[in-house]
Amino acid sequence: MAVRHRLIRRSPEVVWKILADAERYGDWVVGTSQAELDEGLWPEVGAALRYEIRIGPITLHNQTVVRRSEPPTILELEADSGPLGTARIAMELRSWGEHTLIILDEHPLRGAGGVLHNPLLDAAQQIRSRAMLARLARLCEQDEGPSGITPDPRRPRPHTA
């Protein structure tokens, strides 16, 4: 089981905005590419994203489903990695003064990941979780604009008169 935490120098509302943006999922989740909405309205319960994960020469087609969503404090996901099984990814956002303490708890639920779960895989998961929280913190702490969120350069900007 991998439990990590990180202080993000933004309010829980700003952190939630990043978590709630389905198009930004691949920006903070390590290993994902081509994330897109599969069903529902992210991050409402039952909404799902589909994406690819590349591990060396292997490409897995995965889906993540929202299992619990209590904006702006709780987001729990179930990631389905096909033959590798499923994992529970729970994020709790706590106010810490004017900042956010995020607690990430990720562990296997079903399938091969649960059967093969061992201390070596836990260590690898800790490294991945640390990188994931660092990416999320960078996205949230970028200081351009009143929300603390830098506009995604891949998205067209609205024209203003």
N, C-alpha and C. Protein backbone atom coordinates (compact mmCIF):
# COMPACT_ATOMS: atom_id res chain seq x y z
N MET A 1 0.85 -1.17 0.00
CA MET A 1 0.00 0.00 0.00
C MET A 1 0.90 1.24 0.00
N ALA A 2 0.58 2.21 -0.85
CA ALA A 2 1.36 3.43 -0.94
C ALA A 2 0.53 4.60 -0.44
N VAL A 3 0.96 5.19 0.67
CA VAL A 3 0.33 6.39 1.19
C VAL A 3 1.39 7.48 1.20
N ARG A 4 1.09 8.59 0.54
CA ARG A 4 2.01 9.72 0.46
C ARG A 4 1.22 10.98 0.75
N HIS A 5 1.93 12.02 1.11
CA HIS A 5 1.29 13.31 1.31
C HIS A 5 2.21 14.41 0.78
N ARG A 6 1.61 15.55 0.50
CA ARG A 6 2.39 16.69 0.00
C ARG A 6 1.64 17.97 0.32
N LEU A 7 2.39 18.97 0.69
CA LEU A 7 1.83 20.30 0.89
C LEU A 7 1.87 21.03 -0.44
N ILE A 8 0.72 21.50 -0.88
CA ILE A 8 0.62 22.27 -2.12
C ILE A 8 0.26 23.69 -1.73
N ARG A 9 1.02 24.64 -2.20
CA ARG A 9 0.87 26.03 -1.79
C ARG A 9 -0.24 26.74 -2.57
N ARG A 10 -1.39 26.14 -2.50
CA ARG A 10 -2.62 26.70 -3.07
C ARG A 10 -3.78 26.18 -2.23
N SER A 11 -4.92 26.82 -2.36
CA SER A 11 -6.10 26.40 -1.61
C SER A 11 -6.65 25.08 -2.15
N PRO A 12 -7.44 24.37 -1.34
CA PRO A 12 -8.06 23.13 -1.84
C PRO A 12 -8.90 23.37 -3.10
N GLU A 13 -9.52 24.54 -3.22
CA GLU A 13 -10.34 24.83 -4.40
C GLU A 13 -9.48 24.88 -5.67
N VAL A 14 -8.29 25.45 -5.58
CA VAL A 14 -7.39 25.50 -6.74
C VAL A 14 -6.91 24.10 -7.09
N VAL A 15 -6.53 23.31 -6.08
CA VAL A 15 -6.08 21.93 -6.33
C VAL A 15 -7.23 21.14 -6.95
N TRP A 16 -8.44 21.33 -6.42
CA TRP A 16 -9.59 20.60 -6.95
C TRP A 16 -9.82 20.93 -8.42
N LYS A 17 -9.61 22.19 -8.81
CA LYS A 17 -9.81 22.59 -10.22
C LYS A 17 -8.94 21.75 -11.15
N ILE A 18 -7.73 21.47 -10.74
CA ILE A 18 -6.85 20.62 -11.56
C ILE A 18 -7.36 19.18 -11.56
N LEU A 19 -7.71 18.65 -10.40
CA LEU A 19 -8.21 17.27 -10.32
C LEU A 19 -9.51 17.10 -11.10
N ALA A 20 -10.31 18.15 -11.15
CA ALA A 20 -11.62 18.08 -11.80
C ALA A 20 -11.56 18.32 -13.31
N ASP A 21 -10.38 18.62 -13.82
CA ASP A 21 -10.22 18.88 -15.25
C ASP A 21 -9.75 17.60 -15.94
N ALA A 22 -10.67 16.90 -16.58
CA ALA A 22 -10.34 15.62 -17.23
C ALA A 22 -9.22 15.76 -18.25
N GLU A 23 -9.14 16.90 -18.91
CA GLU A 23 -8.10 17.09 -19.92
C GLU A 23 -6.72 17.25 -19.32
N ARG A 24 -6.62 17.52 -18.02
CA ARG A 24 -5.32 17.69 -17.35
C ARG A 24 -4.85 16.40 -16.67
N TYR A 25 -5.67 15.35 -16.70
CA TYR A 25 -5.35 14.09 -16.02
C TYR A 25 -3.96 13.59 -16.38
N GLY A 26 -3.65 13.57 -17.66
CA GLY A 26 -2.35 13.09 -18.12
C GLY A 26 -1.20 14.00 -17.74
N ASP A 27 -1.50 15.24 -17.33
CA ASP A 27 -0.45 16.17 -16.92
C ASP A 27 0.10 15.84 -15.54
N TRP A 28 -0.68 15.18 -14.69
CA TRP A 28 -0.21 14.91 -13.34
C TRP A 28 -0.14 13.42 -13.01
N VAL A 29 -0.83 12.58 -13.75
CA VAL A 29 -0.77 11.14 -13.48
C VAL A 29 0.39 10.53 -14.27
N VAL A 30 1.34 9.99 -13.57
CA VAL A 30 2.56 9.44 -14.18
C VAL A 30 2.22 8.28 -15.10
N GLY A 31 2.75 8.35 -16.33
CA GLY A 31 2.63 7.24 -17.26
C GLY A 31 1.45 7.30 -18.20
N THR A 32 0.50 8.20 -17.97
CA THR A 32 -0.68 8.23 -18.83
C THR A 32 -0.44 9.07 -20.08
N SER A 33 -1.13 8.69 -21.13
CA SER A 33 -1.11 9.49 -22.35
C SER A 33 -2.47 9.37 -23.02
N GLN A 34 -2.83 10.37 -23.79
CA GLN A 34 -4.07 10.38 -24.54
C GLN A 34 -5.30 10.16 -23.66
N ALA A 35 -5.36 10.81 -22.50
CA ALA A 35 -6.53 10.67 -21.62
C ALA A 35 -7.71 11.41 -22.23
N GLU A 36 -8.88 10.76 -22.24
CA GLU A 36 -10.09 11.41 -22.72
C GLU A 36 -11.29 10.86 -21.97
N LEU A 37 -12.33 11.69 -21.90
CA LEU A 37 -13.54 11.30 -21.19
C LEU A 37 -14.19 10.13 -21.91
N ASP A 38 -14.53 9.09 -21.15
CA ASP A 38 -15.17 7.90 -21.71
C ASP A 38 -16.67 7.94 -21.48
N GLU A 39 -17.07 8.37 -20.27
CA GLU A 39 -18.50 8.50 -19.96
C GLU A 39 -18.69 9.41 -18.77
N GLY A 40 -19.88 9.98 -18.66
CA GLY A 40 -20.23 10.83 -17.53
C GLY A 40 -19.60 12.20 -17.59
N LEU A 41 -19.70 12.92 -16.48
CA LEU A 41 -19.15 14.25 -16.34
C LEU A 41 -18.10 14.21 -15.24
N TRP A 42 -16.84 14.32 -15.60
CA TRP A 42 -15.72 14.23 -14.65
C TRP A 42 -15.75 15.43 -13.72
N PRO A 43 -15.58 15.28 -12.42
CA PRO A 43 -15.34 14.08 -11.64
C PRO A 43 -16.55 13.60 -10.84
N GLU A 44 -17.72 13.54 -11.46
CA GLU A 44 -18.89 13.01 -10.78
C GLU A 44 -18.79 11.50 -10.65
N VAL A 45 -19.42 10.95 -9.61
CA VAL A 45 -19.41 9.50 -9.39
C VAL A 45 -19.92 8.78 -10.63
N GLY A 46 -19.17 7.79 -11.07
CA GLY A 46 -19.52 7.01 -12.25
C GLY A 46 -18.85 7.49 -13.53
N ALA A 47 -18.34 8.72 -13.53
CA ALA A 47 -17.64 9.23 -14.72
C ALA A 47 -16.36 8.42 -14.93
N ALA A 48 -15.96 8.28 -16.19
CA ALA A 48 -14.77 7.47 -16.50
C ALA A 48 -13.91 8.15 -17.56
N LEU A 49 -12.61 7.96 -17.40
CA LEU A 49 -11.63 8.38 -18.40
C LEU A 49 -11.00 7.13 -18.99
N ARG A 50 -10.64 7.20 -20.25
CA ARG A 50 -9.84 6.13 -20.84
C ARG A 50 -8.53 6.76 -21.31
N TYR A 51 -7.48 5.95 -21.26
CA TYR A 51 -6.15 6.45 -21.58
C TYR A 51 -5.21 5.28 -21.79
N GLU A 52 -4.01 5.60 -22.22
CA GLU A 52 -2.98 4.58 -22.41
C GLU A 52 -1.90 4.78 -21.36
N ILE A 53 -1.31 3.65 -20.97
CA ILE A 53 -0.12 3.68 -20.11
C ILE A 53 0.95 2.90 -20.86
N ARG A 54 2.12 3.50 -20.95
CA ARG A 54 3.23 2.84 -21.63
C ARG A 54 4.27 2.42 -20.61
N ILE A 55 4.60 1.15 -20.64
CA ILE A 55 5.64 0.59 -19.79
C ILE A 55 6.65 -0.04 -20.73
N GLY A 56 7.71 0.71 -21.05
CA GLY A 56 8.66 0.23 -22.05
C GLY A 56 7.95 0.02 -23.38
N PRO A 57 8.10 -1.17 -23.97
CA PRO A 57 7.46 -1.42 -25.26
C PRO A 57 5.97 -1.80 -25.15
N ILE A 58 5.48 -1.94 -23.94
CA ILE A 58 4.10 -2.39 -23.72
C ILE A 58 3.18 -1.18 -23.56
N THR A 59 2.03 -1.23 -24.24
CA THR A 59 1.01 -0.20 -24.10
C THR A 59 -0.25 -0.85 -23.56
N LEU A 60 -0.75 -0.33 -22.44
CA LEU A 60 -1.98 -0.82 -21.83
C LEU A 60 -3.09 0.20 -22.05
N HIS A 61 -4.27 -0.28 -22.34
CA HIS A 61 -5.44 0.58 -22.49
C HIS A 61 -6.24 0.49 -21.20
N ASN A 62 -6.26 1.57 -20.46
CA ASN A 62 -6.84 1.59 -19.13
C ASN A 62 -8.06 2.49 -19.05
N GLN A 63 -8.78 2.33 -17.96
CA GLN A 63 -9.92 3.18 -17.66
C GLN A 63 -9.90 3.49 -16.17
N THR A 64 -10.21 4.72 -15.83
CA THR A 64 -10.35 5.12 -14.43
C THR A 64 -11.76 5.64 -14.21
N VAL A 65 -12.40 5.13 -13.16
CA VAL A 65 -13.79 5.48 -12.84
C VAL A 65 -13.82 6.20 -11.49
N VAL A 66 -14.60 7.26 -11.40
CA VAL A 66 -14.79 7.97 -10.13
C VAL A 66 -15.73 7.14 -9.26
N ARG A 67 -15.27 6.79 -8.07
CA ARG A 67 -16.09 6.02 -7.12
C ARG A 67 -16.66 6.88 -6.00
N ARG A 68 -15.97 7.99 -5.69
CA ARG A 68 -16.43 8.90 -4.64
C ARG A 68 -15.92 10.29 -4.98
N SER A 69 -16.80 11.28 -4.86
CA SER A 69 -16.41 12.65 -5.18
C SER A 69 -17.14 13.60 -4.25
N GLU A 70 -16.37 14.30 -3.43
CA GLU A 70 -16.92 15.28 -2.49
C GLU A 70 -16.10 16.57 -2.63
N PRO A 71 -16.42 17.37 -3.67
CA PRO A 71 -15.63 18.59 -3.91
C PRO A 71 -15.67 19.53 -2.72
N PRO A 72 -14.59 20.20 -2.38
CA PRO A 72 -13.25 20.06 -2.91
C PRO A 72 -12.33 19.27 -1.99
N THR A 73 -12.83 18.21 -1.35
CA THR A 73 -12.00 17.53 -0.35
C THR A 73 -11.69 16.06 -0.62
N ILE A 74 -12.55 15.33 -1.32
CA ILE A 74 -12.37 13.89 -1.49
C ILE A 74 -12.56 13.51 -2.95
N LEU A 75 -11.60 12.76 -3.49
CA LEU A 75 -11.75 12.16 -4.81
C LEU A 75 -11.18 10.75 -4.73
N GLU A 76 -12.04 9.75 -4.97
CA GLU A 76 -11.60 8.36 -4.96
C GLU A 76 -11.88 7.76 -6.33
N LEU A 77 -10.85 7.12 -6.86
CA LEU A 77 -10.90 6.56 -8.20
C LEU A 77 -10.59 5.08 -8.18
N GLU A 78 -11.08 4.37 -9.18
CA GLU A 78 -10.69 2.97 -9.39
C GLU A 78 -10.10 2.88 -10.79
N ALA A 79 -8.82 2.56 -10.84
CA ALA A 79 -8.11 2.43 -12.11
C ALA A 79 -8.10 0.97 -12.53
N ASP A 80 -8.57 0.71 -13.73
CA ASP A 80 -8.63 -0.65 -14.27
C ASP A 80 -7.53 -0.79 -15.32
N SER A 81 -6.56 -1.63 -15.02
CA SER A 81 -5.42 -1.84 -15.92
C SER A 81 -5.51 -3.18 -16.63
N GLY A 82 -6.73 -3.60 -16.91
CA GLY A 82 -6.92 -4.85 -17.66
C GLY A 82 -6.29 -6.03 -16.96
N PRO A 83 -5.31 -6.68 -17.61
CA PRO A 83 -4.72 -7.89 -17.04
C PRO A 83 -3.98 -7.67 -15.72
N LEU A 84 -3.59 -6.42 -15.44
CA LEU A 84 -2.89 -6.14 -14.18
C LEU A 84 -3.86 -5.97 -13.01
N GLY A 85 -5.14 -5.83 -13.30
CA GLY A 85 -6.14 -5.70 -12.25
C GLY A 85 -6.52 -4.25 -12.01
N THR A 86 -7.16 -4.00 -10.87
CA THR A 86 -7.62 -2.66 -10.53
C THR A 86 -6.93 -2.15 -9.27
N ALA A 87 -6.92 -0.82 -9.14
CA ALA A 87 -6.33 -0.18 -7.96
C ALA A 87 -7.27 0.91 -7.48
N ARG A 88 -7.26 1.13 -6.18
CA ARG A 88 -8.00 2.23 -5.56
C ARG A 88 -7.03 3.38 -5.38
N ILE A 89 -7.44 4.57 -5.83
CA ILE A 89 -6.63 5.77 -5.68
C ILE A 89 -7.50 6.79 -4.95
N ALA A 90 -7.16 7.05 -3.70
CA ALA A 90 -7.96 7.96 -2.88
C ALA A 90 -7.13 9.21 -2.59
N MET A 91 -7.74 10.37 -2.83
CA MET A 91 -7.08 11.64 -2.54
C MET A 91 -7.94 12.43 -1.57
N GLU A 92 -7.32 12.89 -0.51
CA GLU A 92 -8.00 13.75 0.46
C GLU A 92 -7.27 15.09 0.47
N LEU A 93 -8.02 16.15 0.31
CA LEU A 93 -7.47 17.50 0.31
C LEU A 93 -7.88 18.17 1.62
N ARG A 94 -6.88 18.54 2.42
CA ARG A 94 -7.15 19.19 3.71
C ARG A 94 -6.61 20.61 3.67
N SER A 95 -7.41 21.55 4.15
CA SER A 95 -6.91 22.92 4.30
C SER A 95 -5.76 22.89 5.30
N TRP A 96 -4.69 23.57 4.96
CA TRP A 96 -3.53 23.69 5.84
C TRP A 96 -3.13 25.16 5.81
N GLY A 97 -3.81 25.93 6.67
CA GLY A 97 -3.68 27.39 6.57
C GLY A 97 -4.31 27.79 5.25
N GLU A 98 -3.57 28.53 4.46
CA GLU A 98 -4.08 28.93 3.13
C GLU A 98 -3.67 27.94 2.05
N HIS A 99 -3.03 26.85 2.45
CA HIS A 99 -2.54 25.84 1.51
C HIS A 99 -3.37 24.56 1.61
N THR A 100 -2.89 23.53 0.90
CA THR A 100 -3.58 22.24 0.88
C THR A 100 -2.60 21.13 1.23
N LEU A 101 -2.98 20.29 2.17
CA LEU A 101 -2.26 19.05 2.42
C LEU A 101 -3.04 17.98 1.68
N ILE A 102 -2.39 17.37 0.68
CA ILE A 102 -3.05 16.29 -0.06
C ILE A 102 -2.48 14.97 0.41
N ILE A 103 -3.37 14.04 0.69
CA ILE A 103 -2.98 12.69 1.11
C ILE A 103 -3.44 11.74 0.03
N LEU A 104 -2.50 11.01 -0.53
CA LEU A 104 -2.75 10.07 -1.61
C LEU A 104 -2.58 8.65 -1.08
N ASP A 105 -3.60 7.84 -1.24
CA ASP A 105 -3.58 6.44 -0.78
C ASP A 105 -3.93 5.58 -1.98
N GLU A 106 -2.97 4.80 -2.44
CA GLU A 106 -3.18 3.96 -3.62
C GLU A 106 -2.78 2.53 -3.30
N HIS A 107 -3.68 1.61 -3.62
CA HIS A 107 -3.35 0.20 -3.41
C HIS A 107 -4.18 -0.68 -4.35
N PRO A 108 -3.68 -1.89 -4.64
CA PRO A 108 -4.41 -2.80 -5.53
C PRO A 108 -5.70 -3.29 -4.90
N LEU A 109 -6.70 -3.50 -5.76
CA LEU A 109 -7.98 -4.04 -5.29
C LEU A 109 -8.19 -5.47 -5.76
N ARG A 110 -8.09 -5.66 -7.09
CA ARG A 110 -8.42 -6.96 -7.68
C ARG A 110 -7.38 -7.34 -8.73
N GLY A 111 -7.39 -8.60 -9.08
CA GLY A 111 -6.56 -9.07 -10.18
C GLY A 111 -5.10 -9.31 -9.81
N ALA A 112 -4.27 -9.33 -10.83
CA ALA A 112 -2.86 -9.66 -10.65
C ALA A 112 -2.15 -8.71 -9.69
N GLY A 113 -2.50 -7.43 -9.74
CA GLY A 113 -1.87 -6.47 -8.84
C GLY A 113 -2.05 -6.84 -7.38
N GLY A 114 -3.22 -7.32 -7.03
CA GLY A 114 -3.47 -7.73 -5.65
C GLY A 114 -2.75 -9.01 -5.30
N VAL A 115 -2.74 -9.95 -6.23
CA VAL A 115 -2.08 -11.25 -5.99
C VAL A 115 -0.57 -11.10 -5.88
N LEU A 116 0.01 -10.25 -6.73
CA LEU A 116 1.47 -10.08 -6.78
C LEU A 116 1.97 -8.99 -5.85
N HIS A 117 1.08 -8.37 -5.10
CA HIS A 117 1.45 -7.26 -4.22
C HIS A 117 2.54 -7.70 -3.25
N ASN A 118 3.63 -6.90 -3.18
CA ASN A 118 4.75 -7.23 -2.30
C ASN A 118 5.52 -5.96 -1.96
N PRO A 119 6.47 -6.03 -1.04
CA PRO A 119 7.21 -4.82 -0.63
C PRO A 119 7.97 -4.15 -1.78
N LEU A 120 8.47 -4.90 -2.74
CA LEU A 120 9.17 -4.30 -3.86
C LEU A 120 8.22 -3.45 -4.71
N LEU A 121 7.03 -3.97 -4.97
CA LEU A 121 6.03 -3.20 -5.71
C LEU A 121 5.57 -1.98 -4.91
N ASP A 122 5.49 -2.12 -3.58
CA ASP A 122 5.16 -0.97 -2.73
C ASP A 122 6.20 0.14 -2.88
N ALA A 123 7.47 -0.24 -2.91
CA ALA A 123 8.54 0.75 -3.06
C ALA A 123 8.43 1.46 -4.41
N ALA A 124 8.15 0.71 -5.47
CA ALA A 124 7.99 1.32 -6.79
C ALA A 124 6.78 2.25 -6.79
N GLN A 125 5.71 1.85 -6.12
CA GLN A 125 4.52 2.69 -6.05
C GLN A 125 4.78 3.98 -5.29
N GLN A 126 5.60 3.90 -4.24
CA GLN A 126 5.95 5.11 -3.49
C GLN A 126 6.68 6.11 -4.38
N ILE A 127 7.58 5.62 -5.23
CA ILE A 127 8.32 6.49 -6.14
C ILE A 127 7.35 7.13 -7.14
N ARG A 128 6.46 6.33 -7.70
CA ARG A 128 5.48 6.84 -8.66
C ARG A 128 4.55 7.86 -7.99
N SER A 129 4.09 7.58 -6.79
CA SER A 129 3.19 8.49 -6.08
C SER A 129 3.89 9.81 -5.77
N ARG A 130 5.16 9.75 -5.38
CA ARG A 130 5.91 10.98 -5.10
C ARG A 130 6.00 11.83 -6.37
N ALA A 131 6.29 11.20 -7.50
CA ALA A 131 6.37 11.92 -8.77
C ALA A 131 5.02 12.51 -9.16
N MET A 132 3.96 11.74 -8.95
CA MET A 132 2.63 12.21 -9.29
C MET A 132 2.24 13.43 -8.46
N LEU A 133 2.50 13.41 -7.17
CA LEU A 133 2.19 14.55 -6.31
C LEU A 133 3.05 15.76 -6.66
N ALA A 134 4.30 15.53 -7.06
CA ALA A 134 5.16 16.64 -7.48
C ALA A 134 4.61 17.30 -8.73
N ARG A 135 4.14 16.50 -9.68
CA ARG A 135 3.54 17.05 -10.90
C ARG A 135 2.28 17.85 -10.58
N LEU A 136 1.45 17.30 -9.71
CA LEU A 136 0.21 17.99 -9.33
C LEU A 136 0.54 19.31 -8.65
N ALA A 137 1.52 19.30 -7.75
CA ALA A 137 1.91 20.53 -7.06
C ALA A 137 2.41 21.58 -8.06
N ARG A 138 3.23 21.17 -9.03
CA ARG A 138 3.73 22.11 -10.03
C ARG A 138 2.58 22.75 -10.81
N LEU A 139 1.62 21.94 -11.22
CA LEU A 139 0.47 22.47 -11.96
C LEU A 139 -0.31 23.47 -11.12
N CYS A 140 -0.53 23.15 -9.86
CA CYS A 140 -1.33 24.00 -8.99
C CYS A 140 -0.60 25.27 -8.59
N GLU A 141 0.71 25.19 -8.43
CA GLU A 141 1.47 26.31 -7.89
C GLU A 141 1.97 27.28 -8.96
N GLN A 142 1.77 26.95 -10.20
CA GLN A 142 2.15 27.89 -11.26
C GLN A 142 1.40 29.18 -11.01
N ASP A 143 2.12 30.28 -10.96
CA ASP A 143 1.54 31.53 -10.48
C ASP A 143 1.25 32.51 -11.61
N GLU A 144 0.28 32.17 -12.44
CA GLU A 144 -0.17 33.09 -13.47
C GLU A 144 -1.68 33.12 -13.43
N GLY A 145 -2.22 34.25 -13.10
CA GLY A 145 -3.66 34.37 -13.03
C GLY A 145 -4.14 34.34 -11.59
N PRO A 146 -5.33 34.87 -11.33
CA PRO A 146 -5.85 34.96 -9.97
C PRO A 146 -6.13 33.61 -9.33
N SER A 147 -6.37 32.58 -10.14
CA SER A 147 -6.67 31.27 -9.57
C SER A 147 -5.41 30.51 -9.21
N GLY A 148 -4.23 31.01 -9.66
CA GLY A 148 -2.99 30.28 -9.44
C GLY A 148 -2.78 29.20 -10.46
N ILE A 149 -3.62 29.14 -11.48
CA ILE A 149 -3.50 28.09 -12.49
C ILE A 149 -3.11 28.73 -13.81
N THR A 150 -2.02 28.26 -14.37
CA THR A 150 -1.59 28.73 -15.67
C THR A 150 -2.45 28.08 -16.74
N PRO A 151 -2.95 28.87 -17.70
CA PRO A 151 -3.73 28.26 -18.77
C PRO A 151 -2.92 27.21 -19.51
N ASP A 152 -3.56 26.13 -19.89
CA ASP A 152 -2.91 25.05 -20.64
C ASP A 152 -2.58 25.56 -22.04
N PRO A 153 -1.31 25.57 -22.44
CA PRO A 153 -0.95 26.10 -23.76
C PRO A 153 -1.53 25.29 -24.91
N ARG A 154 -2.00 24.08 -24.67
CA ARG A 154 -2.57 23.26 -25.73
C ARG A 154 -4.00 23.66 -26.04
N ARG A 155 -4.61 24.45 -25.15
CA ARG A 155 -6.00 24.85 -25.35
C ARG A 155 -6.06 26.23 -25.96
N PRO A 156 -7.00 26.45 -26.89
CA PRO A 156 -7.15 27.80 -27.42
C PRO A 156 -7.65 28.76 -26.37
N ARG A 157 -7.13 29.97 -26.40
CA ARG A 157 -7.56 30.99 -25.45
C ARG A 157 -8.77 31.72 -26.00
N PRO A 158 -9.71 32.08 -25.14
CA PRO A 158 -10.87 32.83 -25.62
C PRO A 158 -10.43 34.22 -26.07
N HIS A 159 -11.10 34.74 -27.09
CA HIS A 159 -10.79 36.09 -27.57
C HIS A 159 -11.50 37.09 -26.69
N THR A 160 -10.81 38.16 -26.32
CA THR A 160 -11.43 39.20 -25.53
C THR A 160 -11.44 40.48 -26.34
N ALA A 161 -12.47 41.27 -26.17
CA ALA A 161 -12.61 42.52 -26.93
C ALA A 161 -12.09 43.68 -26.13
